[in-house]
Amino acid sequence: MRNAASFLTTLDESTLYQFESVSEDVFDDAKATFVEWTDLDASLTDFTVAAHMDALGVDHVLTYDRHYDAFDVTTLPYRNQS
């Protein structure tokens, strides 16, 4: 837990990274898509991150979560999706 707290402090003090709040519109979009895409088996958190990325114009995400392959984003590290 100490490492996680240290990591959050590092991010908070960084000039390269920034925390972004999720707006009500983004969350509403995420909930609607979550309900529509029941076959994806992704979490509401995945849908919220994807909707927030779309709203911010972010197209790359650092993750090993396979669910992001279904969204219009590039996952890093890159995985061959075949």
N, C-alpha and C. Protein backbone atom coordinates (compact mmCIF):
# COMPACT_ATOMS: atom_id res chain seq x y z
N MET A 1 0.82 -1.18 0.00
CA MET A 1 0.00 0.00 0.00
C MET A 1 0.87 1.26 0.00
N ARG A 2 2.03 1.18 0.63
CA ARG A 2 2.93 2.32 0.68
C ARG A 2 3.39 2.70 -0.73
N ASN A 3 3.66 1.70 -1.57
CA ASN A 3 4.08 1.97 -2.94
C ASN A 3 2.97 2.66 -3.73
N ALA A 4 1.75 2.24 -3.52
CA ALA A 4 0.62 2.86 -4.22
C ALA A 4 0.46 4.32 -3.80
N ALA A 5 0.60 4.58 -2.52
CA ALA A 5 0.50 5.96 -2.03
C ALA A 5 1.63 6.81 -2.58
N SER A 6 2.82 6.25 -2.63
CA SER A 6 3.97 6.97 -3.18
C SER A 6 3.77 7.26 -4.66
N PHE A 7 3.23 6.29 -5.38
CA PHE A 7 2.95 6.47 -6.80
C PHE A 7 1.94 7.60 -7.02
N LEU A 8 0.88 7.62 -6.23
CA LEU A 8 -0.12 8.69 -6.35
C LEU A 8 0.48 10.06 -6.04
N THR A 9 1.34 10.12 -5.05
CA THR A 9 2.01 11.38 -4.73
C THR A 9 2.88 11.83 -5.89
N THR A 10 3.61 10.90 -6.49
CA THR A 10 4.46 11.22 -7.64
C THR A 10 3.62 11.76 -8.79
N LEU A 11 2.50 11.11 -9.08
CA LEU A 11 1.62 11.59 -10.15
C LEU A 11 1.06 12.97 -9.83
N ASP A 12 0.66 13.16 -8.59
CA ASP A 12 0.07 14.43 -8.18
C ASP A 12 1.06 15.58 -8.30
N GLU A 13 2.32 15.32 -8.06
CA GLU A 13 3.35 16.36 -8.11
C GLU A 13 3.98 16.51 -9.50
N SER A 14 3.61 15.66 -10.42
CA SER A 14 4.21 15.64 -11.76
C SER A 14 3.74 16.82 -12.61
N THR A 15 4.64 17.30 -13.45
CA THR A 15 4.26 18.30 -14.46
C THR A 15 3.91 17.64 -15.78
N LEU A 16 4.15 16.34 -15.88
CA LEU A 16 3.87 15.59 -17.10
C LEU A 16 2.47 14.98 -17.08
N TYR A 17 2.03 14.52 -15.92
CA TYR A 17 0.74 13.86 -15.78
C TYR A 17 -0.21 14.76 -15.01
N GLN A 18 -1.50 14.53 -15.22
CA GLN A 18 -2.49 15.28 -14.46
C GLN A 18 -3.71 14.40 -14.21
N PHE A 19 -4.36 14.62 -13.09
CA PHE A 19 -5.60 13.94 -12.79
C PHE A 19 -6.74 14.70 -13.45
N GLU A 20 -7.70 13.98 -13.97
CA GLU A 20 -8.88 14.57 -14.61
C GLU A 20 -10.12 14.02 -13.95
N SER A 21 -11.05 14.89 -13.63
CA SER A 21 -12.34 14.45 -13.09
C SER A 21 -13.25 14.03 -14.23
N VAL A 22 -14.09 13.07 -13.95
CA VAL A 22 -15.05 12.60 -14.95
C VAL A 22 -16.33 13.42 -14.80
N SER A 23 -16.75 14.03 -15.89
CA SER A 23 -17.97 14.84 -15.84
C SER A 23 -19.20 13.94 -15.79
N GLU A 24 -20.30 14.53 -15.41
CA GLU A 24 -21.57 13.79 -15.36
C GLU A 24 -21.95 13.29 -16.75
N ASP A 25 -21.72 14.09 -17.79
CA ASP A 25 -22.04 13.67 -19.16
C ASP A 25 -21.22 12.45 -19.58
N VAL A 26 -19.94 12.46 -19.25
CA VAL A 26 -19.07 11.32 -19.58
C VAL A 26 -19.55 10.07 -18.83
N PHE A 27 -19.88 10.22 -17.56
CA PHE A 27 -20.34 9.07 -16.78
C PHE A 27 -21.67 8.54 -17.31
N ASP A 28 -22.57 9.43 -17.70
CA ASP A 28 -23.85 9.01 -18.28
C ASP A 28 -23.62 8.25 -19.58
N ASP A 29 -22.69 8.72 -20.41
CA ASP A 29 -22.35 8.03 -21.65
C ASP A 29 -21.78 6.64 -21.36
N ALA A 30 -20.91 6.57 -20.37
CA ALA A 30 -20.32 5.28 -19.99
C ALA A 30 -21.38 4.31 -19.51
N LYS A 31 -22.31 4.78 -18.68
CA LYS A 31 -23.37 3.90 -18.18
C LYS A 31 -24.25 3.39 -19.32
N ALA A 32 -24.60 4.27 -20.25
CA ALA A 32 -25.45 3.87 -21.37
C ALA A 32 -24.76 2.82 -22.24
N THR A 33 -23.49 3.03 -22.52
CA THR A 33 -22.75 2.07 -23.33
C THR A 33 -22.57 0.76 -22.58
N PHE A 34 -22.32 0.82 -21.29
CA PHE A 34 -22.17 -0.37 -20.45
C PHE A 34 -23.41 -1.25 -20.53
N VAL A 35 -24.58 -0.64 -20.48
CA VAL A 35 -25.84 -1.38 -20.54
C VAL A 35 -26.05 -1.97 -21.94
N GLU A 36 -25.67 -1.22 -22.98
CA GLU A 36 -25.85 -1.69 -24.37
C GLU A 36 -24.90 -2.82 -24.73
N TRP A 37 -23.67 -2.77 -24.26
CA TRP A 37 -22.64 -3.73 -24.65
C TRP A 37 -22.49 -4.84 -23.62
N THR A 38 -23.56 -5.51 -23.28
CA THR A 38 -23.53 -6.52 -22.22
C THR A 38 -22.65 -7.72 -22.57
N ASP A 39 -22.40 -7.97 -23.85
CA ASP A 39 -21.62 -9.14 -24.25
C ASP A 39 -20.11 -8.94 -24.10
N LEU A 40 -19.66 -7.73 -23.83
CA LEU A 40 -18.22 -7.46 -23.74
C LEU A 40 -17.62 -7.97 -22.43
N ASP A 41 -18.40 -8.06 -21.38
CA ASP A 41 -17.93 -8.52 -20.07
C ASP A 41 -16.85 -7.60 -19.49
N ALA A 42 -16.92 -6.32 -19.82
CA ALA A 42 -16.00 -5.33 -19.26
C ALA A 42 -16.67 -4.65 -18.08
N SER A 43 -15.87 -4.05 -17.23
CA SER A 43 -16.41 -3.39 -16.04
C SER A 43 -16.92 -1.99 -16.39
N LEU A 44 -17.73 -1.45 -15.50
CA LEU A 44 -18.19 -0.07 -15.66
C LEU A 44 -16.98 0.87 -15.64
N THR A 45 -15.96 0.53 -14.88
CA THR A 45 -14.74 1.34 -14.86
C THR A 45 -14.11 1.39 -16.24
N ASP A 46 -14.03 0.25 -16.93
CA ASP A 46 -13.48 0.23 -18.30
C ASP A 46 -14.27 1.16 -19.22
N PHE A 47 -15.58 1.10 -19.13
CA PHE A 47 -16.42 1.95 -19.97
C PHE A 47 -16.25 3.42 -19.61
N THR A 48 -16.09 3.71 -18.33
CA THR A 48 -15.91 5.09 -17.90
C THR A 48 -14.58 5.64 -18.40
N VAL A 49 -13.52 4.85 -18.29
CA VAL A 49 -12.21 5.27 -18.81
C VAL A 49 -12.29 5.50 -20.31
N ALA A 50 -12.91 4.59 -21.05
CA ALA A 50 -13.02 4.72 -22.51
C ALA A 50 -13.82 5.96 -22.89
N ALA A 51 -14.92 6.22 -22.21
CA ALA A 51 -15.74 7.40 -22.50
C ALA A 51 -14.99 8.69 -22.17
N HIS A 52 -14.24 8.66 -21.07
CA HIS A 52 -13.46 9.83 -20.68
C HIS A 52 -12.33 10.09 -21.68
N MET A 53 -11.68 9.02 -22.13
CA MET A 53 -10.64 9.16 -23.14
C MET A 53 -11.21 9.78 -24.41
N ASP A 54 -12.38 9.32 -24.81
CA ASP A 54 -13.03 9.86 -26.01
C ASP A 54 -13.32 11.35 -25.84
N ALA A 55 -13.84 11.73 -24.69
CA ALA A 55 -14.17 13.14 -24.44
C ALA A 55 -12.93 14.02 -24.44
N LEU A 56 -11.80 13.47 -23.99
CA LEU A 56 -10.55 14.24 -23.93
C LEU A 56 -9.74 14.15 -25.22
N GLY A 57 -10.15 13.27 -26.14
CA GLY A 57 -9.39 13.10 -27.38
C GLY A 57 -8.12 12.28 -27.19
N VAL A 58 -8.10 11.44 -26.15
CA VAL A 58 -6.95 10.57 -25.88
C VAL A 58 -7.17 9.26 -26.63
N ASP A 59 -6.14 8.81 -27.36
CA ASP A 59 -6.33 7.59 -28.15
C ASP A 59 -5.36 6.46 -27.81
N HIS A 60 -4.55 6.62 -26.77
CA HIS A 60 -3.65 5.56 -26.33
C HIS A 60 -3.86 5.32 -24.83
N VAL A 61 -3.79 4.06 -24.43
CA VAL A 61 -3.93 3.71 -23.02
C VAL A 61 -2.89 2.66 -22.67
N LEU A 62 -2.25 2.83 -21.53
CA LEU A 62 -1.27 1.88 -21.04
C LEU A 62 -2.00 0.85 -20.19
N THR A 63 -2.15 -0.36 -20.73
CA THR A 63 -2.94 -1.39 -20.04
C THR A 63 -2.64 -2.77 -20.63
N TYR A 64 -2.89 -3.77 -19.84
CA TYR A 64 -2.91 -5.15 -20.33
C TYR A 64 -4.35 -5.67 -20.37
N ASP A 65 -5.30 -4.82 -20.07
CA ASP A 65 -6.71 -5.20 -20.02
C ASP A 65 -7.23 -5.42 -21.44
N ARG A 66 -7.63 -6.63 -21.75
CA ARG A 66 -8.06 -6.98 -23.10
C ARG A 66 -9.35 -6.27 -23.52
N HIS A 67 -10.12 -5.77 -22.56
CA HIS A 67 -11.40 -5.13 -22.89
C HIS A 67 -11.22 -3.87 -23.72
N TYR A 68 -10.08 -3.21 -23.61
CA TYR A 68 -9.88 -1.97 -24.36
C TYR A 68 -9.71 -2.23 -25.86
N ASP A 69 -9.49 -3.47 -26.25
CA ASP A 69 -9.43 -3.81 -27.68
C ASP A 69 -10.76 -3.51 -28.36
N ALA A 70 -11.85 -3.51 -27.63
CA ALA A 70 -13.18 -3.27 -28.20
C ALA A 70 -13.46 -1.79 -28.41
N PHE A 71 -12.68 -0.94 -27.77
CA PHE A 71 -12.88 0.51 -27.90
C PHE A 71 -11.94 1.05 -28.96
N ASP A 72 -12.20 2.26 -29.41
CA ASP A 72 -11.40 2.87 -30.47
C ASP A 72 -10.16 3.54 -29.87
N VAL A 73 -9.30 2.71 -29.26
CA VAL A 73 -8.06 3.20 -28.65
C VAL A 73 -6.92 2.24 -28.98
N THR A 74 -5.71 2.73 -28.88
CA THR A 74 -4.52 1.90 -29.04
C THR A 74 -4.01 1.54 -27.66
N THR A 75 -3.80 0.25 -27.43
CA THR A 75 -3.30 -0.18 -26.13
C THR A 75 -1.78 -0.30 -26.18
N LEU A 76 -1.14 0.11 -25.11
CA LEU A 76 0.30 -0.01 -24.95
C LEU A 76 0.55 -0.80 -23.68
N PRO A 77 1.42 -1.74 -23.60
CA PRO A 77 2.25 -2.15 -24.72
C PRO A 77 1.40 -2.78 -25.82
N TYR A 78 1.83 -2.57 -27.06
CA TYR A 78 1.07 -3.03 -28.21
C TYR A 78 0.98 -4.55 -28.20
N ARG A 79 -0.21 -5.05 -28.48
CA ARG A 79 -0.42 -6.49 -28.62
C ARG A 79 -1.02 -6.75 -29.99
N ASN A 80 -0.57 -7.77 -30.65
CA ASN A 80 -1.17 -8.17 -31.91
C ASN A 80 -2.57 -8.67 -31.61
N GLN A 81 -3.57 -8.07 -32.24
CA GLN A 81 -4.97 -8.40 -31.92
C GLN A 81 -5.53 -9.52 -32.78
N SER A 82 -4.67 -10.28 -33.45
CA SER A 82 -5.17 -11.40 -34.28
C SER A 82 -5.21 -12.69 -33.50
